[in-house]
């Protein structure tokens, strides 16, 4: 039956790029709908495809009953009629009777076509939804097809995505046929079909760009720990390395900045700060406020995550950023409330005495705050390798002062520290630490000063008269 249906199925498969099984399902729905329209029920309709799929047949399944006991022609058949079709028929058996599609009137065919069209539409929608849903969070490339109400509709090949106005960077302008790279942000299925929502403003978009440009991120040698963004203006990204011999920041920047420049170019000039992630909140906060130079960080309330950052006057505007952007992004990156102050502002603050004393201890020996470049922790030494810091800290050596008071023999006793490491450490300390030695006086080199009892002028043991007032003087030892 239904000669040519196979060719119709094949053509549908080619035109709609859909699995053949799904198209067959639509054909089955078509035939069942026509059957129901004609016979008012589809409970006993059976559709059968041949093994090679080239033929399809529609049957009515009927129960064989006694002669003259047929009450429902659609579901029952007289035993005599059944024997004509199959000589082995018996009362109570079920028999399949093929239905000729010519029995369907025009109204039935039209109903079947509408039903098939509906089914095919649902199949296509479900197929597209499944295909694109599993791509959520991936990078996708398309071409600007049209622009309507500031929303950009992007040709993705099989489907059309939409780059909503709120997900467009304020730096970017597109025209029809422009190539667009975007994050496949969300796939939604609704009454009107499937909607593929794209984005160029989410932090994950920048993360995907770095994955494309930096092999170490793609293979997870370098890990993007946290990333925040003010789209079109600035992105801050904290990275760490799973290998001691790989600098995570350097890997992201690339030789002569070639890697990060590729990302910045795609972002139309948006600033991107790549910084070292650190578990210690003080160090992480200091790194997060780059490019500003931070003097010191105070933890005001660890439970509430409140921190105070002190900077030089010249660094205040850089730390805060234009309209507070830099410190605002740093807040989000480290998940702390950061307040930035100069030393003068800090002195005027009413905070806990312990914190204030710690600050004054840092700056008491300096004529002005701007001249203070004091570093205390080993990790604050410029250029010191992270693995040397870890070896020292594992041996309870955390302060520069501790290392300064150690000689090379003491350093050799530190487990894990080799000769080259010791040489590197001492070289860094010599270059960055000013060691001030206190003057010591031996007892025999110390001379006590004496004064004239009359005019209080300075005199010495070899004098008999005061050179100032002329009074006679003598020196006598006191008896104990």
Protein backbone atom coordinates (compact mmCIF):
# COMPACT_ATOMS: atom_id res chain seq x y z
CA UNK A 1 0.00 0.00 0.00
CA UNK A 2 0.90 3.65 -0.22
CA UNK A 3 3.42 3.31 -3.03
CA UNK A 4 5.78 6.26 -3.09
CA UNK A 5 5.65 6.88 0.68
CA UNK A 6 9.23 5.67 0.99
CA UNK A 7 10.40 8.27 -1.49
CA UNK A 8 8.43 10.88 0.39
CA UNK A 9 10.11 9.84 3.65
CA UNK A 10 13.54 9.94 2.02
CA UNK A 11 12.92 13.43 0.65
CA UNK A 12 11.76 14.68 4.05
CA UNK A 13 14.90 13.26 5.66
CA UNK A 14 17.07 15.11 3.17
CA UNK A 15 15.15 18.39 3.31
CA UNK A 16 14.87 18.62 7.08
CA UNK A 17 18.13 16.91 8.03
CA UNK A 18 16.27 14.73 10.50
CA UNK A 19 16.73 11.08 11.49
CA UNK A 20 14.72 8.70 9.32
CA UNK A 21 13.11 7.10 12.37
CA UNK A 22 11.62 10.42 13.40
CA UNK A 23 10.21 10.98 9.92
CA UNK A 24 8.69 7.49 9.98
CA UNK A 25 7.06 8.41 13.25
CA UNK A 26 5.49 11.42 11.52
CA UNK A 27 4.21 9.20 8.66
CA UNK A 28 2.68 6.85 11.20
CA UNK A 29 0.92 9.77 12.84
CA UNK A 30 -0.32 10.87 9.43
CA UNK A 31 -1.91 7.50 8.65
CA UNK A 32 -3.40 7.05 12.11
CA UNK A 33 -4.93 10.54 11.94
CA UNK A 34 -6.52 9.77 8.55
CA UNK A 35 -7.83 6.46 9.89
CA UNK A 36 -9.35 8.14 12.93
CA UNK A 37 -11.00 10.85 10.83
CA UNK A 38 -12.58 8.15 8.62
CA UNK A 39 -13.55 5.51 11.22
CA UNK A 40 -14.00 7.80 14.29
CA UNK A 41 -11.46 5.79 16.28
CA UNK A 42 -7.80 4.85 16.05
CA UNK A 43 -7.68 2.28 18.86
CA UNK A 44 -7.30 -0.61 16.42
CA UNK A 45 -5.15 1.11 13.75
CA UNK A 46 -1.81 -0.58 13.08
CA UNK A 47 0.97 0.88 10.90
CA UNK A 48 3.66 -1.49 9.62
CA UNK A 49 6.88 -0.61 7.79
CA UNK A 50 8.76 -3.19 5.77
CA UNK A 51 12.22 -4.20 6.94
CA UNK A 52 13.91 -2.14 4.27
CA UNK A 53 11.61 0.79 4.98
CA UNK A 54 10.52 1.05 1.37
CA UNK A 55 6.90 0.07 2.00
CA UNK A 56 4.38 1.07 4.63
CA UNK A 57 0.93 -0.37 5.28
CA UNK A 58 -2.05 0.53 7.41
CA UNK A 59 -4.19 -2.19 8.98
CA UNK A 60 -7.38 -2.40 11.02
CA UNK A 61 -7.10 -4.96 13.80
CA UNK A 62 -10.46 -6.78 14.20
CA UNK A 63 -11.80 -9.54 16.45
CA UNK A 64 -13.40 -12.57 14.71
CA UNK A 65 -16.99 -13.16 15.96
CA UNK A 66 -19.93 -15.54 15.23
CA UNK A 67 -21.93 -15.10 12.07
CA UNK A 68 -24.49 -12.31 12.33
CA UNK A 69 -22.98 -11.11 15.69
CA UNK A 70 -21.05 -8.17 14.31
CA UNK A 71 -22.00 -5.07 16.30
CA UNK A 72 -19.00 -2.83 15.55
CA UNK A 73 -17.85 -3.02 11.95
CA UNK A 74 -14.70 -1.07 12.75
CA UNK A 75 -13.48 -3.54 15.41
CA UNK A 76 -15.25 -6.84 14.57
CA UNK A 77 -15.49 -9.18 11.56
CA UNK A 78 -17.79 -12.06 10.72
CA UNK A 79 -16.13 -15.53 10.83
CA UNK A 80 -17.19 -16.22 7.26
CA UNK A 81 -15.54 -13.04 6.01
CA UNK A 82 -12.44 -13.82 8.07
CA UNK A 83 -12.14 -17.31 6.51
CA UNK A 84 -12.08 -15.73 3.08
CA UNK A 85 -9.05 -13.72 4.14
CA UNK A 86 -7.38 -16.51 6.13
CA UNK A 87 -8.53 -20.14 6.05
CA UNK A 88 -7.11 -20.72 9.57
CA UNK A 89 -9.27 -18.08 11.19
CA UNK A 90 -11.12 -18.99 14.37
CA UNK A 91 -13.71 -17.20 16.52
CA UNK A 92 -11.98 -14.98 19.11
CA UNK A 93 -8.82 -14.52 17.05
CA UNK A 94 -7.57 -11.12 15.94
CA UNK A 95 -6.96 -10.46 12.29
CA UNK A 96 -5.25 -7.56 10.49
CA UNK A 97 -7.21 -6.19 7.57
CA UNK A 98 -5.31 -3.88 5.24
CA UNK A 99 -6.87 -0.49 4.61
CA UNK A 100 -6.67 1.08 1.17
CA UNK A 101 -5.85 4.80 1.47
CA UNK A 102 -8.34 5.45 -1.30
CA UNK A 103 -11.02 4.88 1.33
CA UNK A 104 -9.98 8.13 3.01
CA UNK A 105 -11.95 11.14 1.91
CA UNK A 106 -10.41 14.57 1.28
CA UNK A 107 -11.28 15.86 4.75
CA UNK A 108 -9.52 12.87 6.36
CA UNK A 109 -6.43 13.42 4.24
CA UNK A 110 -6.35 17.12 5.13
CA UNK A 111 -6.66 16.33 8.85
CA UNK A 112 -3.86 13.79 8.53
CA UNK A 113 -1.61 16.31 6.78
CA UNK A 114 -2.14 18.88 9.51
CA UNK A 115 -1.38 16.30 12.16
CA UNK A 116 1.74 15.15 10.33
CA UNK A 117 2.90 18.75 9.92
CA UNK A 118 2.40 19.32 13.64
CA UNK A 119 4.32 16.18 14.53
CA UNK A 120 7.17 17.03 12.18
CA UNK A 121 7.36 20.52 13.70
CA UNK A 122 7.54 19.06 17.21
CA UNK A 123 10.17 16.56 16.13
CA UNK A 124 12.26 19.28 14.56
CA UNK A 125 11.90 21.49 17.64
CA UNK A 126 12.87 18.67 20.00
CA UNK A 127 15.78 17.69 17.79
CA UNK A 128 17.14 21.26 17.68
CA UNK A 129 16.58 21.74 21.39
CA UNK A 130 18.53 18.56 22.23
CA UNK A 131 21.34 19.46 19.85
CA UNK A 132 21.86 23.01 21.11
CA UNK A 133 21.04 22.36 24.78
CA UNK A 134 24.12 20.21 25.17
CA UNK A 135 26.21 23.07 23.73
CA UNK A 136 25.26 25.56 26.45
CA UNK A 137 28.37 27.31 27.74
CA UNK A 138 30.35 26.68 24.55
CA UNK A 139 31.74 29.19 22.08
CA UNK A 140 29.81 29.44 18.82
CA UNK A 141 30.40 31.38 15.59
CA UNK A 142 27.76 32.74 13.21
CA UNK A 143 26.94 35.66 10.97
CA UNK A 144 24.73 38.67 11.58
CA UNK A 145 21.55 37.94 9.63
CA UNK A 146 19.35 40.84 10.69
CA UNK A 147 18.96 43.46 13.41
CA UNK A 148 15.59 44.20 14.98
CA UNK A 149 14.87 46.35 18.03
CA UNK A 150 18.64 46.41 18.73
CA UNK A 151 18.62 42.61 19.01
CA UNK A 152 20.97 40.83 16.61
CA UNK A 153 19.77 37.63 14.96
CA UNK A 154 22.69 35.35 14.14
CA UNK A 155 22.74 32.65 11.46
CA UNK A 156 24.19 29.53 13.11
CA UNK A 157 23.74 27.27 10.10
CA UNK A 158 20.89 24.98 11.13
CA UNK A 159 19.26 27.56 13.33
CA UNK A 160 19.03 31.24 14.18
CA UNK A 161 20.39 32.51 17.48
CA UNK A 162 19.66 35.85 19.07
CA UNK A 163 22.17 38.23 20.68
CA UNK A 164 19.94 40.33 22.90
CA UNK A 165 20.73 44.00 23.48
CA UNK A 166 21.52 43.37 27.16
CA UNK A 167 24.10 40.76 26.19
CA UNK A 168 25.97 43.05 23.76
CA UNK A 169 29.11 44.92 24.78
CA UNK A 170 28.72 48.72 24.65
CA UNK A 171 31.97 48.87 22.65
CA UNK A 172 30.66 46.79 19.75
CA UNK A 173 28.67 47.66 16.63
CA UNK A 174 27.57 45.05 14.08
CA UNK A 175 26.27 45.12 10.53
CA UNK A 176 24.54 42.48 8.43
CA UNK A 177 26.91 39.66 7.36
CA UNK A 178 29.45 40.50 10.09
CA UNK A 179 31.07 37.46 11.68
CA UNK A 180 30.07 37.10 15.35
CA UNK A 181 31.77 34.96 17.99
CA UNK A 182 29.64 34.51 21.11
CA UNK A 183 28.90 32.32 24.10
CA UNK A 184 25.92 30.00 23.69
CA UNK A 185 24.39 31.19 26.92
CA UNK A 186 20.94 29.57 27.08
CA UNK A 187 18.59 27.36 25.06
CA UNK A 188 14.89 27.79 25.79
CA UNK A 189 11.93 25.82 24.46
CA UNK A 190 8.61 27.64 24.31
CA UNK A 191 5.28 27.63 22.52
CA UNK A 192 6.81 29.52 19.61
CA UNK A 193 9.70 27.11 19.25
CA UNK A 194 13.31 26.94 20.39
CA UNK A 195 15.24 30.11 21.22
CA UNK A 196 19.05 30.04 21.28
CA UNK A 197 20.29 32.99 23.36
CA UNK A 198 23.86 34.21 22.76
CA UNK A 199 26.02 36.47 24.93
CA UNK A 200 29.20 38.53 24.66
CA UNK A 201 28.95 40.13 28.10
CA UNK A 202 29.18 37.21 30.51
CA UNK A 203 32.55 36.49 32.21
CA UNK A 204 32.40 32.95 30.79
CA UNK A 205 32.79 34.46 27.30
CA UNK A 206 36.19 35.88 28.25
CA UNK A 207 37.08 32.57 29.89
CA UNK A 208 36.32 30.70 26.65
CA UNK A 209 38.45 33.19 24.70
CA UNK A 210 41.40 32.42 26.97
CA UNK A 211 40.79 28.68 26.57
CA UNK A 212 41.14 29.15 22.81
CA UNK A 213 44.30 31.27 23.11
CA UNK A 214 46.12 29.57 26.02
CA UNK A 215 46.88 25.83 25.66
CA UNK A 216 47.77 25.62 29.36
CA UNK A 217 44.21 26.66 30.27
CA UNK A 218 42.67 24.27 27.75
CA UNK A 219 44.61 21.31 29.18
CA UNK A 220 43.93 22.59 32.74
CA UNK A 221 47.58 23.06 33.67
CA UNK A 222 46.61 26.66 34.39
CA UNK A 223 43.27 27.07 36.16
CA UNK A 224 41.00 30.10 36.02
CA UNK A 225 39.99 30.24 39.68
CA UNK A 226 37.73 33.31 39.50
CA UNK A 227 36.70 35.84 36.89
CA UNK A 228 34.56 39.00 37.07
CA UNK A 229 33.71 41.53 34.44
CA UNK A 230 32.34 44.98 33.74
CA UNK A 231 31.48 44.36 30.05
CA UNK A 232 33.18 46.71 27.64
CA UNK A 233 35.41 48.25 30.30
CA UNK A 234 37.40 45.81 32.44
CA UNK A 235 37.79 42.14 33.31
CA UNK A 236 39.70 40.73 36.29
CA UNK A 237 40.78 37.09 36.17
CA UNK A 238 42.59 35.18 38.95
CA UNK A 239 44.63 32.19 37.80
CA UNK A 240 46.71 29.47 39.43
CA UNK A 241 49.07 26.79 38.16
CA UNK A 242 49.10 23.07 38.88
CA UNK A 243 52.82 22.96 38.10
CA UNK A 244 55.53 24.89 39.95
CA UNK A 245 57.52 25.47 36.77
CA UNK A 246 54.69 27.29 34.99
CA UNK A 247 53.84 30.91 35.76
CA UNK A 248 50.05 31.12 35.33
CA UNK A 249 50.01 34.88 34.69
CA UNK A 250 52.84 34.65 32.19
CA UNK A 251 51.12 31.79 30.36
CA UNK A 252 47.98 33.89 29.92
CA UNK A 253 49.86 36.99 28.81
CA UNK A 254 52.10 35.13 26.39
CA UNK A 255 55.39 36.11 24.79
CA UNK A 256 55.39 39.89 24.34
CA UNK A 257 51.71 39.87 25.35
CA UNK A 258 50.59 38.14 22.14
CA UNK A 259 48.00 35.89 23.84
CA UNK A 260 46.25 38.49 25.94
CA UNK A 261 46.31 40.95 23.04
CA UNK A 262 44.30 38.48 20.95
CA UNK A 263 41.66 38.40 23.69
CA UNK A 264 41.65 42.19 24.06
CA UNK A 265 41.27 42.56 20.30
CA UNK A 266 38.21 40.29 20.29
CA UNK A 267 36.80 42.40 23.17
CA UNK A 268 37.32 45.59 21.13
CA UNK A 269 39.93 47.00 23.54
CA UNK A 270 38.39 46.07 26.90
CA UNK A 271 41.04 46.06 29.67
CA UNK A 272 41.90 42.62 31.05
CA UNK A 273 43.79 42.19 34.36
CA UNK A 274 45.28 38.72 34.85
CA UNK A 275 46.52 38.15 38.39
CA UNK A 276 47.82 35.41 40.66
CA UNK A 277 45.20 33.64 42.79
CA UNK A 278 46.14 33.12 46.44
CA UNK A 279 44.44 31.36 49.34
CA UNK A 280 45.66 34.04 51.77
CA UNK A 281 43.01 36.81 51.66
CA UNK A 282 45.56 39.60 52.26
CA UNK A 283 47.73 38.53 49.34
CA UNK A 284 44.71 37.91 47.12
CA UNK A 285 43.25 41.35 47.91
CA UNK A 286 46.59 42.99 47.14
CA UNK A 287 46.77 41.14 43.79
CA UNK A 288 43.13 41.90 42.97
CA UNK A 289 43.68 45.65 43.13
CA UNK A 290 46.23 45.58 40.31
CA UNK A 291 47.49 47.68 38.59
CA UNK A 292 47.64 49.75 41.79
CA UNK A 293 50.56 49.22 44.19
CA UNK A 294 49.30 48.31 47.65
CA UNK A 295 51.33 49.05 50.78
CA UNK A 296 49.47 46.93 53.31
CA UNK A 297 46.16 45.14 53.92
CA UNK A 298 44.35 44.93 57.27
CA UNK A 299 41.62 42.41 58.04
CA UNK A 300 39.06 44.36 60.05
CA UNK A 301 36.44 41.63 60.42
CA UNK A 302 37.17 38.15 59.12
CA UNK A 303 33.64 36.85 59.70
CA UNK A 304 32.03 39.73 57.81
CA UNK A 305 34.92 39.78 55.31
CA UNK A 306 35.77 43.44 55.80
CA UNK A 307 39.26 44.56 54.82
CA UNK A 308 41.12 47.88 54.80
CA UNK A 309 43.77 48.62 52.19
CA UNK A 310 46.33 51.38 52.70
CA UNK A 311 48.00 52.92 49.65
CA UNK A 312 50.26 55.82 48.82
CA UNK A 313 48.52 59.05 47.96
CA UNK A 314 49.73 58.70 44.37
CA UNK A 315 48.13 55.25 44.09
CA UNK A 316 44.71 56.10 45.54
CA UNK A 317 42.94 56.98 42.30
CA UNK A 318 44.45 53.97 40.53
CA UNK A 319 43.36 51.60 43.31
CA UNK A 320 39.81 52.92 43.34
CA UNK A 321 39.58 53.26 39.56
CA UNK A 322 37.31 55.39 37.41
CA UNK A 323 33.94 55.68 39.13
CA UNK A 324 35.14 53.04 41.64
CA UNK A 325 35.42 50.35 38.98
CA UNK A 326 38.74 48.82 40.03
CA UNK A 327 37.90 48.37 43.71
CA UNK A 328 34.36 47.28 42.84
CA UNK A 329 35.63 44.48 40.59
CA UNK A 330 38.22 43.52 43.21
CA UNK A 331 35.42 43.23 45.80
CA UNK A 332 33.56 40.80 43.55
CA UNK A 333 36.69 38.84 42.66
CA UNK A 334 37.86 38.16 46.23
CA UNK A 335 34.36 38.25 47.77
CA UNK A 336 35.47 40.74 50.44
CA UNK A 337 34.37 44.30 51.26
CA UNK A 338 37.46 46.37 50.53
CA UNK A 339 37.93 49.95 51.74
CA UNK A 340 40.86 51.92 50.32
CA UNK A 341 42.55 54.68 52.37
CA UNK A 342 45.73 56.75 52.35
CA UNK A 343 47.90 56.85 55.49
CA UNK A 344 46.51 60.25 56.50
CA UNK A 345 42.94 59.03 56.09
CA UNK A 346 43.85 55.89 58.00
CA UNK A 347 45.25 57.90 60.93
CA UNK A 348 41.98 59.78 61.21
CA UNK A 349 39.92 56.60 61.30
CA UNK A 350 38.42 55.22 64.48
CA UNK A 351 39.31 51.53 64.26
CA UNK A 352 40.51 48.87 66.64
CA UNK A 353 43.65 49.87 68.51
CA UNK A 354 45.43 46.64 67.51
CA UNK A 355 45.05 47.41 63.82
CA UNK A 356 46.08 51.01 64.29
CA UNK A 357 49.13 50.06 66.33
CA UNK A 358 50.16 47.58 63.66
CA UNK A 359 49.94 50.30 61.04
CA UNK A 360 51.96 52.80 63.07
CA UNK A 361 54.59 50.15 63.79
CA UNK A 362 55.07 49.88 60.04
CA UNK A 363 55.55 53.57 59.50
CA UNK A 364 57.01 54.93 62.78
CA UNK A 365 60.59 54.75 61.51
CA UNK A 366 59.83 56.67 58.33
CA UNK A 367 59.71 60.45 57.89
CA UNK A 368 56.68 60.11 55.63
CA UNK A 369 54.37 57.39 54.45
CA UNK A 370 55.33 57.88 50.85
CA UNK A 371 58.92 56.88 51.68
CA UNK A 372 57.88 53.59 53.28
CA UNK A 373 58.65 50.52 51.19
CA UNK A 374 59.03 48.08 54.09
CA UNK A 375 58.36 44.43 53.36
CA UNK A 376 58.05 41.83 56.09
CA UNK A 377 56.87 38.49 54.65
CA UNK A 378 59.12 36.23 52.60
CA UNK A 379 56.43 36.13 49.89
CA UNK A 380 56.67 39.91 49.49
CA UNK A 381 60.24 39.72 48.21
CA UNK A 382 60.23 40.73 44.52
CA UNK A 383 61.07 37.87 42.19
CA UNK A 384 61.25 35.12 44.81
CA UNK A 385 60.08 31.75 43.37
CA UNK A 386 56.90 30.36 44.91
CA UNK A 387 58.47 26.97 45.61
CA UNK A 388 61.22 28.55 47.76
CA UNK A 389 58.53 30.37 49.78
CA UNK A 390 56.70 27.09 50.33
CA UNK A 391 59.91 25.31 51.48
CA UNK A 392 60.68 28.11 53.96
CA UNK A 393 57.10 28.30 55.26
CA UNK A 394 57.02 24.51 55.73
CA UNK A 395 60.04 24.98 58.00
CA UNK A 396 58.37 27.83 59.96
CA UNK A 397 60.45 30.52 58.24
CA UNK A 398 57.92 33.19 57.25
CA UNK A 399 59.69 36.52 57.83
CA UNK A 400 62.55 38.18 55.97
CA UNK A 401 64.10 39.10 59.32
CA UNK A 402 64.43 35.38 60.16
CA UNK A 403 66.35 34.68 56.97
CA UNK A 404 68.57 37.76 57.40
CA UNK A 405 69.67 36.45 60.81
CA UNK A 406 70.62 33.06 59.32
CA UNK A 407 73.96 32.23 57.68
CA UNK A 408 74.48 29.82 54.82
CA UNK A 409 75.04 26.88 57.18
CA UNK A 410 71.70 27.59 58.86
CA UNK A 411 70.00 27.70 55.46
CA UNK A 412 71.55 24.35 54.46
CA UNK A 413 69.81 22.75 57.43
CA UNK A 414 66.40 23.64 55.94
CA UNK A 415 64.99 20.49 54.39
CA UNK A 416 64.32 20.82 50.66
CA UNK A 417 66.51 23.91 50.12
CA UNK A 418 69.38 23.25 47.68
CA UNK A 419 72.60 25.20 47.07
CA UNK A 420 71.14 26.98 44.03
CA UNK A 421 68.03 27.86 46.02
CA UNK A 422 70.18 29.32 48.83
CA UNK A 423 72.19 31.36 46.34
CA UNK A 424 68.99 32.66 44.71
CA UNK A 425 67.47 33.55 48.08
CA UNK A 426 70.54 35.42 49.31
CA UNK A 427 70.87 37.30 46.03
CA UNK A 428 67.23 38.46 46.20
CA UNK A 429 67.64 39.58 49.82
CA UNK A 430 70.85 41.49 49.04
CA UNK A 431 69.12 43.29 46.17
CA UNK A 432 65.91 44.18 47.99
CA UNK A 433 66.59 44.38 51.74
CA UNK A 434 68.56 47.16 53.46
CA UNK A 435 70.26 45.68 56.53
CA UNK A 436 71.02 48.33 59.15
CA UNK A 437 73.53 47.24 61.79
CA UNK A 438 73.55 48.94 65.19
CA UNK A 439 76.88 50.40 66.34
CA UNK A 440 78.47 48.49 69.18
CA UNK A 441 81.06 49.88 71.57
CA UNK A 442 83.66 47.89 73.47
CA UNK A 443 84.17 48.86 77.11
CA UNK A 444 87.75 49.96 76.52
CA UNK A 445 86.74 52.15 73.55
CA UNK A 446 83.97 53.98 75.37
CA UNK A 447 84.91 57.40 76.77
CA UNK A 448 82.79 59.08 79.42
CA UNK A 449 82.31 62.88 79.18
CA UNK A 450 82.98 65.18 82.22
CA UNK A 451 81.67 68.71 82.93
CA UNK A 452 83.01 71.72 84.85
CA UNK A 453 81.18 72.12 88.19
CA UNK A 454 81.24 75.89 87.78
CA UNK A 455 80.25 76.63 84.17
CA UNK A 456 79.22 73.15 82.97
CA UNK A 457 81.71 73.18 80.07
CA UNK A 458 83.12 69.87 78.80
CA UNK A 459 86.47 68.97 80.40
CA UNK A 460 88.83 65.98 80.22
CA UNK A 461 90.83 63.92 82.72
CA UNK A 462 94.15 65.60 81.81
CA UNK A 463 92.95 69.15 82.67
CA UNK A 464 93.78 71.00 85.98
CA UNK A 465 91.82 74.17 85.18
CA UNK A 466 88.62 74.77 83.22
CA UNK A 467 89.52 76.30 79.83
CA UNK A 468 86.30 78.30 79.93
CA UNK A 469 86.08 79.86 83.39
CA UNK A 470 89.61 79.17 84.78
CA UNK A 471 88.45 77.45 87.96
CA UNK A 472 90.83 74.78 89.32
CA UNK A 473 89.67 71.15 88.92
CA UNK A 474 90.83 67.73 90.16
CA UNK A 475 89.55 64.18 89.71
CA UNK A 476 89.14 61.72 92.53
CA UNK A 477 87.94 58.09 92.48
CA UNK A 478 84.83 57.42 94.51
CA UNK A 479 85.10 54.76 97.16
CA UNK A 480 82.59 52.00 96.81
